[in-house]
Amino acid sequence: AEYMGEYDGKKLVSVTKEGLELPETEDEKKAFEELKTQFEPLCKVMKDILDKKVEKVTVSNRLISSPCCIVTSQFGWSANMERIMKAQALRDTSTMGYMAAKKHLEINPSHSIMKAMKERVDADKNDKSVKDLVLLLYETSLLSSGFTLEDPQIHASRITRMIKMGLGIDEEDDAVEQMEVNPVAAGESPVGEDVDNAMEEVD
């Protein structure tokens, strides 16, 4: 499908590539342009956080139920092609890095998550939770678009942090509790003390 440009006299386009144009009325076009302007600050913050992971972050009109999605540039690799190239034993790492960055993150301005993100960034663009949320949304979009994660463990850690936040668990309090339950982790060595005591008794 990636190489088939036409069928039955009709031009074919990939919905996973940039530049997808959907039929719109003049009113819809005007409303979409207004949304793009409103969400521009959020797109900029998200691009700064994602840095070289994506070429750009833009407002989408192709999404309905998802908060965001990954699309590739016209000449970028599809998810399937990226998996194939990663599996090659003699792959060119410089090409891998260049082509892997040819991704665009498109956000859905109608989704409640993106609306809440916009409000949070508008209130404080340096909000600490925004970075984790943006990276989590990006990584989740990668997975749902068929891409693989470079480090699944980091993704899992982010999810754990978000769950704790949702349950109202303070990271610092949780760390203190774990140290109390497991004194070895806190730098104590009860086993070592027992051995030393036993040695003294033998002497």
N, C-alpha and C. Protein backbone atom coordinates (compact mmCIF):
# COMPACT_ATOMS: atom_id res chain seq x y z
N ALA A 1 0.82 -1.20 0.00
CA ALA A 1 0.00 0.00 0.00
C ALA A 1 0.86 1.26 0.00
N GLU A 2 2.09 1.13 0.58
CA GLU A 2 2.98 2.30 0.65
C GLU A 2 3.44 2.72 -0.74
N TYR A 3 3.50 1.76 -1.69
CA TYR A 3 4.04 2.07 -3.00
C TYR A 3 2.95 2.19 -4.06
N MET A 4 1.71 1.93 -3.71
CA MET A 4 0.61 1.98 -4.66
C MET A 4 0.00 3.37 -4.65
N GLY A 5 0.27 4.14 -5.68
CA GLY A 5 -0.18 5.53 -5.69
C GLY A 5 -1.56 5.75 -6.23
N GLU A 6 -2.06 4.78 -7.04
CA GLU A 6 -3.35 4.98 -7.69
C GLU A 6 -4.09 3.67 -7.84
N TYR A 7 -5.42 3.73 -7.79
CA TYR A 7 -6.23 2.53 -8.00
C TYR A 7 -7.55 2.94 -8.65
N ASP A 8 -7.86 2.32 -9.76
CA ASP A 8 -9.11 2.59 -10.47
C ASP A 8 -9.28 4.09 -10.77
N GLY A 9 -8.17 4.71 -11.13
CA GLY A 9 -8.23 6.13 -11.50
C GLY A 9 -8.28 7.08 -10.33
N LYS A 10 -8.22 6.56 -9.11
CA LYS A 10 -8.27 7.40 -7.91
C LYS A 10 -6.93 7.39 -7.19
N LYS A 11 -6.49 8.56 -6.73
CA LYS A 11 -5.23 8.67 -6.01
C LYS A 11 -5.40 8.11 -4.59
N LEU A 12 -4.47 7.26 -4.18
CA LEU A 12 -4.52 6.67 -2.84
C LEU A 12 -3.60 7.44 -1.90
N VAL A 13 -4.07 7.64 -0.66
CA VAL A 13 -3.23 8.30 0.35
C VAL A 13 -3.19 7.42 1.60
N SER A 14 -2.09 7.51 2.33
CA SER A 14 -1.95 6.74 3.57
C SER A 14 -2.44 7.58 4.75
N VAL A 15 -3.31 6.99 5.57
CA VAL A 15 -3.83 7.73 6.73
C VAL A 15 -2.79 7.82 7.84
N THR A 16 -1.69 7.07 7.71
CA THR A 16 -0.63 7.13 8.73
C THR A 16 0.47 8.12 8.35
N LYS A 17 0.31 8.80 7.21
CA LYS A 17 1.29 9.79 6.77
C LYS A 17 0.75 11.20 6.98
N GLU A 18 1.67 12.16 7.02
CA GLU A 18 1.28 13.55 7.15
C GLU A 18 0.54 14.02 5.90
N GLY A 19 -0.17 15.15 6.02
CA GLY A 19 -0.79 15.77 4.84
C GLY A 19 -2.13 15.19 4.45
N LEU A 20 -2.74 14.38 5.32
CA LEU A 20 -4.07 13.84 5.01
C LEU A 20 -5.08 14.98 5.03
N GLU A 21 -5.79 15.15 3.92
CA GLU A 21 -6.79 16.23 3.84
C GLU A 21 -8.18 15.63 3.79
N LEU A 22 -9.00 16.02 4.77
CA LEU A 22 -10.37 15.53 4.84
C LEU A 22 -11.33 16.61 4.34
N PRO A 23 -12.47 16.22 3.75
CA PRO A 23 -13.43 17.21 3.25
C PRO A 23 -13.92 18.11 4.38
N GLU A 24 -13.90 19.43 4.17
CA GLU A 24 -14.33 20.38 5.20
C GLU A 24 -15.13 21.52 4.58
N THR A 25 -16.10 22.02 5.33
CA THR A 25 -16.83 23.20 4.90
C THR A 25 -15.99 24.43 5.29
N GLU A 26 -16.36 25.59 4.80
CA GLU A 26 -15.63 26.81 5.14
C GLU A 26 -15.67 27.08 6.64
N ASP A 27 -16.84 26.84 7.25
CA ASP A 27 -16.98 27.05 8.71
C ASP A 27 -16.08 26.12 9.49
N GLU A 28 -16.00 24.86 9.04
CA GLU A 28 -15.15 23.88 9.71
C GLU A 28 -13.67 24.26 9.58
N LYS A 29 -13.30 24.76 8.41
CA LYS A 29 -11.90 25.20 8.20
C LYS A 29 -11.57 26.35 9.13
N LYS A 30 -12.50 27.30 9.26
CA LYS A 30 -12.28 28.47 10.10
C LYS A 30 -12.15 28.05 11.57
N ALA A 31 -13.05 27.16 12.00
CA ALA A 31 -13.03 26.68 13.39
C ALA A 31 -11.73 25.92 13.68
N PHE A 32 -11.25 25.13 12.70
CA PHE A 32 -10.02 24.37 12.87
C PHE A 32 -8.81 25.30 12.99
N GLU A 33 -8.78 26.36 12.18
CA GLU A 33 -7.69 27.33 12.24
C GLU A 33 -7.64 28.01 13.61
N GLU A 34 -8.82 28.29 14.18
CA GLU A 34 -8.89 28.90 15.51
C GLU A 34 -8.34 27.95 16.57
N LEU A 35 -8.68 26.66 16.44
CA LEU A 35 -8.17 25.65 17.38
C LEU A 35 -6.65 25.53 17.28
N LYS A 36 -6.13 25.58 16.08
CA LYS A 36 -4.67 25.50 15.88
C LYS A 36 -3.97 26.65 16.60
N THR A 37 -4.57 27.84 16.52
CA THR A 37 -4.00 29.01 17.19
C THR A 37 -4.05 28.85 18.71
N GLN A 38 -5.20 28.37 19.21
CA GLN A 38 -5.38 28.18 20.66
C GLN A 38 -4.41 27.15 21.23
N PHE A 39 -4.15 26.09 20.46
CA PHE A 39 -3.32 24.99 20.96
C PHE A 39 -1.84 25.12 20.58
N GLU A 40 -1.50 26.21 19.90
CA GLU A 40 -0.11 26.41 19.48
C GLU A 40 0.87 26.41 20.66
N PRO A 41 0.56 27.10 21.79
CA PRO A 41 1.48 27.07 22.94
C PRO A 41 1.71 25.65 23.48
N LEU A 42 0.64 24.85 23.53
CA LEU A 42 0.77 23.47 24.01
C LEU A 42 1.64 22.67 23.05
N CYS A 43 1.43 22.83 21.74
CA CYS A 43 2.24 22.12 20.73
C CYS A 43 3.72 22.46 20.90
N LYS A 44 4.00 23.72 21.18
CA LYS A 44 5.40 24.16 21.34
C LYS A 44 6.03 23.52 22.58
N VAL A 45 5.29 23.52 23.69
CA VAL A 45 5.80 22.89 24.92
C VAL A 45 6.05 21.40 24.70
N MET A 46 5.11 20.73 24.03
CA MET A 46 5.25 19.29 23.77
C MET A 46 6.45 19.02 22.87
N LYS A 47 6.66 19.85 21.87
CA LYS A 47 7.81 19.67 20.97
C LYS A 47 9.11 19.88 21.74
N ASP A 48 9.15 20.88 22.62
CA ASP A 48 10.36 21.13 23.43
C ASP A 48 10.69 19.92 24.31
N ILE A 49 9.65 19.30 24.87
CA ILE A 49 9.84 18.13 25.75
C ILE A 49 10.31 16.92 24.93
N LEU A 50 9.65 16.68 23.80
CA LEU A 50 9.98 15.51 22.97
C LEU A 50 11.27 15.72 22.17
N ASP A 51 11.61 16.97 21.94
CA ASP A 51 12.86 17.34 21.27
C ASP A 51 13.05 16.57 19.96
N LYS A 52 14.13 15.77 19.87
CA LYS A 52 14.45 15.11 18.60
C LYS A 52 13.65 13.83 18.35
N LYS A 53 12.79 13.48 19.29
CA LYS A 53 11.98 12.27 19.09
C LYS A 53 10.97 12.46 17.95
N VAL A 54 10.55 13.71 17.74
CA VAL A 54 9.60 14.01 16.68
C VAL A 54 10.05 15.23 15.87
N GLU A 55 9.59 15.29 14.63
CA GLU A 55 9.90 16.45 13.79
C GLU A 55 9.06 17.65 14.20
N LYS A 56 7.78 17.37 14.50
CA LYS A 56 6.89 18.45 14.93
C LYS A 56 5.67 17.91 15.64
N VAL A 57 5.01 18.81 16.38
CA VAL A 57 3.75 18.49 17.06
C VAL A 57 2.70 19.43 16.48
N THR A 58 1.61 18.87 15.97
CA THR A 58 0.58 19.69 15.32
C THR A 58 -0.82 19.31 15.80
N VAL A 59 -1.77 20.21 15.54
CA VAL A 59 -3.18 19.94 15.85
C VAL A 59 -3.76 19.13 14.70
N SER A 60 -4.54 18.11 15.05
CA SER A 60 -5.08 17.20 14.04
C SER A 60 -6.59 17.35 13.88
N ASN A 61 -7.07 17.04 12.68
CA ASN A 61 -8.52 16.96 12.48
C ASN A 61 -8.90 15.55 12.02
N ARG A 62 -7.96 14.61 12.16
CA ARG A 62 -8.23 13.23 11.74
C ARG A 62 -8.65 12.35 12.93
N LEU A 63 -8.46 12.87 14.16
CA LEU A 63 -8.71 12.05 15.35
C LEU A 63 -10.11 12.27 15.92
N ILE A 64 -10.69 11.20 16.45
CA ILE A 64 -12.02 11.29 17.07
C ILE A 64 -11.97 10.85 18.53
N SER A 65 -11.52 9.61 18.78
CA SER A 65 -11.53 9.09 20.16
C SER A 65 -10.17 9.13 20.85
N SER A 66 -9.08 9.24 20.09
CA SER A 66 -7.75 9.23 20.69
C SER A 66 -7.26 10.65 21.00
N PRO A 67 -6.50 10.83 22.09
CA PRO A 67 -5.98 12.16 22.41
C PRO A 67 -4.88 12.62 21.45
N CYS A 68 -4.13 11.65 20.90
CA CYS A 68 -3.07 12.00 19.94
C CYS A 68 -2.67 10.75 19.17
N CYS A 69 -1.92 10.97 18.11
CA CYS A 69 -1.45 9.83 17.31
C CYS A 69 -0.11 10.18 16.66
N ILE A 70 0.61 9.14 16.27
CA ILE A 70 1.88 9.30 15.57
C ILE A 70 1.62 9.11 14.07
N VAL A 71 2.08 10.07 13.29
CA VAL A 71 2.06 9.90 11.83
C VAL A 71 3.49 10.11 11.35
N THR A 72 3.81 9.54 10.21
CA THR A 72 5.16 9.70 9.67
C THR A 72 5.15 10.72 8.54
N SER A 73 6.30 11.33 8.31
CA SER A 73 6.40 12.29 7.21
C SER A 73 6.26 11.52 5.91
N GLN A 74 6.05 12.24 4.82
CA GLN A 74 5.82 11.59 3.51
C GLN A 74 6.93 10.60 3.15
N PHE A 75 8.16 10.89 3.59
CA PHE A 75 9.29 10.03 3.22
C PHE A 75 9.83 9.25 4.43
N GLY A 76 9.10 9.29 5.54
CA GLY A 76 9.54 8.56 6.74
C GLY A 76 9.12 7.10 6.68
N TRP A 77 9.70 6.30 7.57
CA TRP A 77 9.37 4.88 7.61
C TRP A 77 8.03 4.65 8.31
N SER A 78 7.30 3.67 7.83
CA SER A 78 6.09 3.23 8.53
C SER A 78 6.53 2.40 9.73
N ALA A 79 5.59 2.09 10.62
CA ALA A 79 5.90 1.28 11.80
C ALA A 79 6.47 -0.08 11.39
N ASN A 80 5.87 -0.68 10.36
CA ASN A 80 6.32 -1.99 9.90
C ASN A 80 7.73 -1.93 9.34
N MET A 81 8.02 -0.89 8.54
CA MET A 81 9.35 -0.75 7.96
C MET A 81 10.40 -0.51 9.05
N GLU A 82 10.03 0.27 10.08
CA GLU A 82 10.97 0.53 11.17
C GLU A 82 11.30 -0.76 11.91
N ARG A 83 10.28 -1.61 12.13
CA ARG A 83 10.52 -2.89 12.81
C ARG A 83 11.46 -3.76 11.98
N ILE A 84 11.25 -3.78 10.67
CA ILE A 84 12.10 -4.59 9.77
C ILE A 84 13.54 -4.10 9.83
N MET A 85 13.72 -2.77 9.78
CA MET A 85 15.07 -2.21 9.77
C MET A 85 15.77 -2.42 11.11
N LYS A 86 15.02 -2.35 12.21
CA LYS A 86 15.61 -2.60 13.53
C LYS A 86 16.08 -4.04 13.67
N ALA A 87 15.43 -4.94 12.95
CA ALA A 87 15.77 -6.37 13.05
C ALA A 87 17.00 -6.73 12.22
N GLN A 88 17.41 -5.81 11.34
CA GLN A 88 18.58 -6.09 10.50
C GLN A 88 19.85 -6.10 11.35
N ALA A 89 20.65 -7.14 11.20
CA ALA A 89 21.88 -7.26 12.00
C ALA A 89 22.89 -6.17 11.66
N LEU A 90 22.98 -5.79 10.38
CA LEU A 90 23.98 -4.82 9.94
C LEU A 90 23.33 -3.47 9.62
N ARG A 91 22.40 -3.06 10.46
CA ARG A 91 21.70 -1.79 10.19
C ARG A 91 22.63 -0.60 10.41
N ASP A 92 22.35 0.45 9.66
CA ASP A 92 23.11 1.70 9.75
C ASP A 92 22.50 2.54 10.86
N THR A 93 23.21 2.70 11.97
CA THR A 93 22.64 3.40 13.14
C THR A 93 22.34 4.86 12.85
N SER A 94 23.16 5.50 12.00
CA SER A 94 22.92 6.91 11.70
C SER A 94 21.62 7.07 10.89
N THR A 95 21.39 6.15 9.96
CA THR A 95 20.15 6.18 9.17
C THR A 95 18.97 5.87 10.06
N MET A 96 19.15 4.90 10.97
CA MET A 96 18.08 4.53 11.91
C MET A 96 17.63 5.75 12.70
N GLY A 97 18.60 6.48 13.27
CA GLY A 97 18.29 7.65 14.08
C GLY A 97 17.59 8.72 13.29
N TYR A 98 18.06 8.92 12.04
CA TYR A 98 17.49 9.97 11.18
C TYR A 98 16.06 9.63 10.79
N MET A 99 15.84 8.41 10.34
CA MET A 99 14.51 8.00 9.88
C MET A 99 13.52 7.84 11.03
N ALA A 100 14.02 7.38 12.19
CA ALA A 100 13.15 7.20 13.36
C ALA A 100 12.61 8.54 13.84
N ALA A 101 13.36 9.62 13.58
CA ALA A 101 12.92 10.95 14.02
C ALA A 101 11.92 11.58 13.05
N LYS A 102 11.64 10.91 11.94
CA LYS A 102 10.71 11.45 10.95
C LYS A 102 9.26 11.17 11.35
N LYS A 103 8.98 11.42 12.60
CA LYS A 103 7.63 11.19 13.11
C LYS A 103 7.01 12.53 13.51
N HIS A 104 5.70 12.62 13.35
CA HIS A 104 4.96 13.79 13.79
C HIS A 104 3.95 13.34 14.83
N LEU A 105 3.79 14.13 15.87
CA LEU A 105 2.76 13.84 16.86
C LEU A 105 1.61 14.79 16.59
N GLU A 106 0.43 14.22 16.31
CA GLU A 106 -0.76 15.04 16.07
C GLU A 106 -1.68 14.93 17.29
N ILE A 107 -2.15 16.07 17.78
CA ILE A 107 -3.00 16.06 18.97
C ILE A 107 -4.45 16.38 18.60
N ASN A 108 -5.34 15.82 19.39
CA ASN A 108 -6.78 15.99 19.17
C ASN A 108 -7.30 17.11 20.08
N PRO A 109 -7.60 18.30 19.53
CA PRO A 109 -8.02 19.44 20.36
C PRO A 109 -9.39 19.27 21.01
N SER A 110 -10.14 18.27 20.55
CA SER A 110 -11.48 18.03 21.11
C SER A 110 -11.46 17.04 22.27
N HIS A 111 -10.30 16.40 22.48
CA HIS A 111 -10.23 15.37 23.53
C HIS A 111 -10.04 16.01 24.90
N SER A 112 -10.70 15.44 25.90
CA SER A 112 -10.66 15.99 27.26
C SER A 112 -9.23 16.03 27.82
N ILE A 113 -8.40 15.04 27.48
CA ILE A 113 -7.01 15.01 27.97
C ILE A 113 -6.23 16.20 27.42
N MET A 114 -6.38 16.46 26.11
CA MET A 114 -5.63 17.56 25.51
C MET A 114 -6.15 18.91 25.99
N LYS A 115 -7.44 18.99 26.25
CA LYS A 115 -8.01 20.24 26.79
C LYS A 115 -7.44 20.51 28.18
N ALA A 116 -7.37 19.45 29.01
CA ALA A 116 -6.82 19.59 30.37
C ALA A 116 -5.32 19.92 30.31
N MET A 117 -4.61 19.31 29.36
CA MET A 117 -3.18 19.59 29.19
C MET A 117 -2.98 21.06 28.81
N LYS A 118 -3.83 21.55 27.93
CA LYS A 118 -3.75 22.95 27.49
C LYS A 118 -3.94 23.89 28.68
N GLU A 119 -4.95 23.59 29.51
CA GLU A 119 -5.22 24.41 30.69
C GLU A 119 -4.03 24.40 31.64
N ARG A 120 -3.43 23.24 31.82
CA ARG A 120 -2.28 23.11 32.73
C ARG A 120 -1.08 23.90 32.22
N VAL A 121 -0.82 23.80 30.91
CA VAL A 121 0.31 24.52 30.31
C VAL A 121 0.06 26.03 30.31
N ASP A 122 -1.21 26.41 30.04
CA ASP A 122 -1.56 27.84 30.06
C ASP A 122 -1.34 28.43 31.45
N ALA A 123 -1.62 27.62 32.49
CA ALA A 123 -1.45 28.08 33.87
C ALA A 123 0.02 28.12 34.27
N ASP A 124 0.77 27.10 33.85
CA ASP A 124 2.20 27.04 34.20
C ASP A 124 2.90 26.07 33.24
N LYS A 125 3.61 26.62 32.26
CA LYS A 125 4.25 25.75 31.26
C LYS A 125 5.42 24.96 31.83
N ASN A 126 5.85 25.31 33.05
CA ASN A 126 6.93 24.57 33.70
C ASN A 126 6.41 23.55 34.72
N ASP A 127 5.12 23.28 34.68
CA ASP A 127 4.50 22.30 35.58
C ASP A 127 5.25 20.97 35.46
N LYS A 128 5.74 20.44 36.60
CA LYS A 128 6.57 19.22 36.60
C LYS A 128 5.86 18.01 36.02
N SER A 129 4.54 17.92 36.25
CA SER A 129 3.80 16.73 35.79
C SER A 129 3.62 16.72 34.28
N VAL A 130 3.74 17.88 33.63
CA VAL A 130 3.50 17.97 32.18
C VAL A 130 4.49 17.11 31.40
N LYS A 131 5.77 17.13 31.80
CA LYS A 131 6.78 16.35 31.07
C LYS A 131 6.45 14.86 31.07
N ASP A 132 6.13 14.32 32.25
CA ASP A 132 5.78 12.90 32.33
C ASP A 132 4.55 12.59 31.49
N LEU A 133 3.55 13.47 31.55
CA LEU A 133 2.31 13.25 30.80
C LEU A 133 2.56 13.27 29.30
N VAL A 134 3.36 14.22 28.85
CA VAL A 134 3.66 14.33 27.41
C VAL A 134 4.41 13.09 26.93
N LEU A 135 5.42 12.67 27.68
CA LEU A 135 6.20 11.48 27.29
C LEU A 135 5.35 10.22 27.32
N LEU A 136 4.45 10.15 28.29
CA LEU A 136 3.56 9.00 28.40
C LEU A 136 2.58 8.95 27.22
N LEU A 137 2.05 10.11 26.85
CA LEU A 137 1.15 10.18 25.69
C LEU A 137 1.89 9.80 24.41
N TYR A 138 3.12 10.29 24.29
CA TYR A 138 3.93 9.98 23.10
C TYR A 138 4.22 8.48 23.00
N GLU A 139 4.66 7.89 24.12
CA GLU A 139 5.01 6.47 24.11
C GLU A 139 3.78 5.60 23.87
N THR A 140 2.64 5.99 24.44
CA THR A 140 1.41 5.24 24.23
C THR A 140 0.97 5.34 22.77
N SER A 141 1.16 6.52 22.18
CA SER A 141 0.83 6.71 20.76
C SER A 141 1.73 5.85 19.87
N LEU A 142 3.00 5.75 20.25
CA LEU A 142 3.92 4.88 19.50
C LEU A 142 3.40 3.44 19.48
N LEU A 143 3.02 2.96 20.66
CA LEU A 143 2.54 1.58 20.78
C LEU A 143 1.26 1.36 19.97
N SER A 144 0.30 2.29 20.11
CA SER A 144 -0.98 2.13 19.41
C SER A 144 -0.84 2.29 17.89
N SER A 145 0.26 2.94 17.46
CA SER A 145 0.50 3.11 16.03
C SER A 145 1.36 1.98 15.45
N GLY A 146 1.73 1.03 16.31
CA GLY A 146 2.48 -0.13 15.83
C GLY A 146 3.98 -0.03 15.95
N PHE A 147 4.50 1.05 16.57
CA PHE A 147 5.94 1.19 16.76
C PHE A 147 6.35 0.48 18.05
N THR A 148 7.66 0.30 18.23
CA THR A 148 8.17 -0.32 19.45
C THR A 148 8.88 0.75 20.29
N LEU A 149 8.94 0.50 21.60
CA LEU A 149 9.60 1.44 22.51
C LEU A 149 11.07 1.07 22.66
N GLU A 150 11.91 2.10 22.74
CA GLU A 150 13.34 1.87 22.94
C GLU A 150 13.59 1.26 24.32
N ASP A 151 12.86 1.75 25.33
CA ASP A 151 13.05 1.26 26.70
C ASP A 151 11.69 1.10 27.39
N PRO A 152 11.08 -0.08 27.30
CA PRO A 152 9.77 -0.32 27.91
C PRO A 152 9.76 -0.11 29.43
N GLN A 153 10.93 -0.32 30.09
CA GLN A 153 11.00 -0.18 31.54
C GLN A 153 10.73 1.26 31.97
N ILE A 154 11.25 2.22 31.20
CA ILE A 154 11.01 3.64 31.52
C ILE A 154 9.53 3.96 31.37
N HIS A 155 8.91 3.41 30.33
CA HIS A 155 7.47 3.60 30.09
C HIS A 155 6.67 3.05 31.28
N ALA A 156 7.07 1.86 31.74
CA ALA A 156 6.38 1.23 32.88
C ALA A 156 6.54 2.09 34.15
N SER A 157 7.72 2.66 34.34
CA SER A 157 7.97 3.51 35.52
C SER A 157 7.08 4.76 35.48
N ARG A 158 6.92 5.31 34.28
CA ARG A 158 6.05 6.50 34.14
C ARG A 158 4.61 6.16 34.50
N ILE A 159 4.15 5.01 34.03
CA ILE A 159 2.78 4.58 34.33
C ILE A 159 2.60 4.39 35.83
N THR A 160 3.60 3.78 36.48
CA THR A 160 3.55 3.58 37.93
C THR A 160 3.44 4.91 38.66
N ARG A 161 4.23 5.90 38.22
CA ARG A 161 4.19 7.23 38.84
C ARG A 161 2.82 7.88 38.68
N MET A 162 2.23 7.71 37.49
CA MET A 162 0.91 8.29 37.22
C MET A 162 -0.17 7.61 38.08
N ILE A 163 -0.04 6.28 38.26
CA ILE A 163 -1.00 5.55 39.10
C ILE A 163 -0.90 6.04 40.54
N LYS A 164 0.34 6.22 41.03
CA LYS A 164 0.53 6.73 42.39
C LYS A 164 -0.09 8.12 42.54
N MET A 165 0.12 8.95 41.51
CA MET A 165 -0.44 10.30 41.55
C MET A 165 -1.97 10.24 41.59
N GLY A 166 -2.53 9.34 40.78
CA GLY A 166 -3.98 9.18 40.73
C GLY A 166 -4.57 8.70 42.05
N LEU A 167 -3.78 7.90 42.76
CA LEU A 167 -4.23 7.37 44.05
C LEU A 167 -3.85 8.29 45.21
N GLY A 168 -3.18 9.37 44.91
CA GLY A 168 -2.80 10.33 45.95
C GLY A 168 -1.63 9.86 46.80
N ILE A 169 -0.78 8.97 46.26
CA ILE A 169 0.38 8.47 47.00
C ILE A 169 1.55 9.40 46.74
N ASP A 170 2.12 9.93 47.82
CA ASP A 170 3.27 10.82 47.69
C ASP A 170 4.53 10.01 47.46
N GLU A 171 5.31 10.37 46.45
CA GLU A 171 6.53 9.63 46.11
C GLU A 171 7.50 9.54 47.28
N GLU A 172 7.70 10.67 47.99
CA GLU A 172 8.66 10.71 49.10
C GLU A 172 8.18 9.85 50.27
N ASP A 173 6.88 9.96 50.61
CA ASP A 173 6.32 9.15 51.70
C ASP A 173 6.46 7.68 51.40
N ASP A 174 6.19 7.32 50.12
CA ASP A 174 6.26 5.93 49.69
C ASP A 174 7.70 5.40 49.82
N ALA A 175 8.67 6.24 49.48
CA ALA A 175 10.09 5.84 49.57
C ALA A 175 10.49 5.61 51.02
N VAL A 176 10.01 6.48 51.92
CA VAL A 176 10.32 6.34 53.35
C VAL A 176 9.73 5.05 53.90
N GLU A 177 8.47 4.75 53.51
CA GLU A 177 7.80 3.52 53.98
C GLU A 177 8.57 2.28 53.52
N GLN A 178 9.03 2.30 52.26
CA GLN A 178 9.77 1.15 51.74
C GLN A 178 11.08 0.95 52.49
N MET A 179 11.72 2.04 52.88
CA MET A 179 12.98 1.95 53.62
C MET A 179 12.73 1.39 55.02
N GLU A 180 11.58 1.76 55.62
CA GLU A 180 11.26 1.25 56.97
C GLU A 180 10.96 -0.24 56.93
N VAL A 181 10.26 -0.67 55.85
CA VAL A 181 9.91 -2.09 55.71
C VAL A 181 11.15 -2.91 55.41
N ASN A 182 12.06 -2.33 54.61
CA ASN A 182 13.27 -3.04 54.20
C ASN A 182 14.51 -2.27 54.66
N PRO A 183 14.92 -2.44 55.91
CA PRO A 183 16.06 -1.69 56.44
C PRO A 183 17.37 -1.92 55.70
N VAL A 184 17.50 -3.07 55.04
CA VAL A 184 18.72 -3.35 54.28
C VAL A 184 18.89 -2.29 53.20
N ALA A 185 17.76 -1.93 52.58
CA ALA A 185 17.80 -0.92 51.51
C ALA A 185 18.20 0.44 52.06
N ALA A 186 17.98 0.65 53.35
CA ALA A 186 18.30 1.94 53.97
C ALA A 186 19.75 2.01 54.41
N GLY A 187 20.53 0.99 54.07
CA GLY A 187 21.96 1.03 54.39
C GLY A 187 22.31 0.20 55.62
N GLU A 188 21.31 -0.45 56.26
CA GLU A 188 21.58 -1.29 57.42
C GLU A 188 21.88 -2.70 56.95
N SER A 189 22.58 -3.46 57.76
CA SER A 189 22.87 -4.84 57.37
C SER A 189 22.72 -5.75 58.58
N PRO A 190 21.45 -6.06 58.93
CA PRO A 190 21.19 -6.89 60.10
C PRO A 190 21.85 -8.26 60.00
N VAL A 191 21.93 -8.81 58.75
CA VAL A 191 22.55 -10.12 58.58
C VAL A 191 24.02 -10.03 58.95
N GLY A 192 24.67 -8.97 58.49
CA GLY A 192 26.09 -8.76 58.79
C GLY A 192 26.33 -8.63 60.26
N GLU A 193 25.43 -7.94 61.01
CA GLU A 193 25.57 -7.76 62.46
C GLU A 193 25.49 -9.11 63.17
N ASP A 194 24.53 -9.97 62.71
CA ASP A 194 24.38 -11.29 63.32
C ASP A 194 25.66 -12.11 63.15
N VAL A 195 26.26 -12.01 61.96
CA VAL A 195 27.49 -12.76 61.69
C VAL A 195 28.60 -12.28 62.60
N ASP A 196 28.71 -10.94 62.76
CA ASP A 196 29.75 -10.37 63.63
C ASP A 196 29.57 -10.83 65.07
N ASN A 197 28.30 -10.82 65.56
CA ASN A 197 28.00 -11.27 66.92
C ASN A 197 28.38 -12.73 67.13
N ALA A 198 28.05 -13.53 66.11
CA ALA A 198 28.36 -14.96 66.19
C ALA A 198 29.87 -15.18 66.25
N MET A 199 30.60 -14.40 65.47
CA MET A 199 32.06 -14.50 65.47
C MET A 199 32.66 -14.16 66.83
N GLU A 200 32.05 -13.11 67.47
CA GLU A 200 32.52 -12.70 68.81
C GLU A 200 32.30 -13.81 69.81
N GLU A 201 31.13 -14.52 69.70
CA GLU A 201 30.80 -15.61 70.64
C GLU A 201 31.79 -16.75 70.47
N VAL A 202 32.17 -17.04 69.19
CA VAL A 202 33.11 -18.14 68.93
C VAL A 202 34.47 -17.81 69.57
N ASP A 203 34.89 -16.54 69.41
CA ASP A 203 36.17 -16.13 70.01
C ASP A 203 36.11 -16.31 71.52
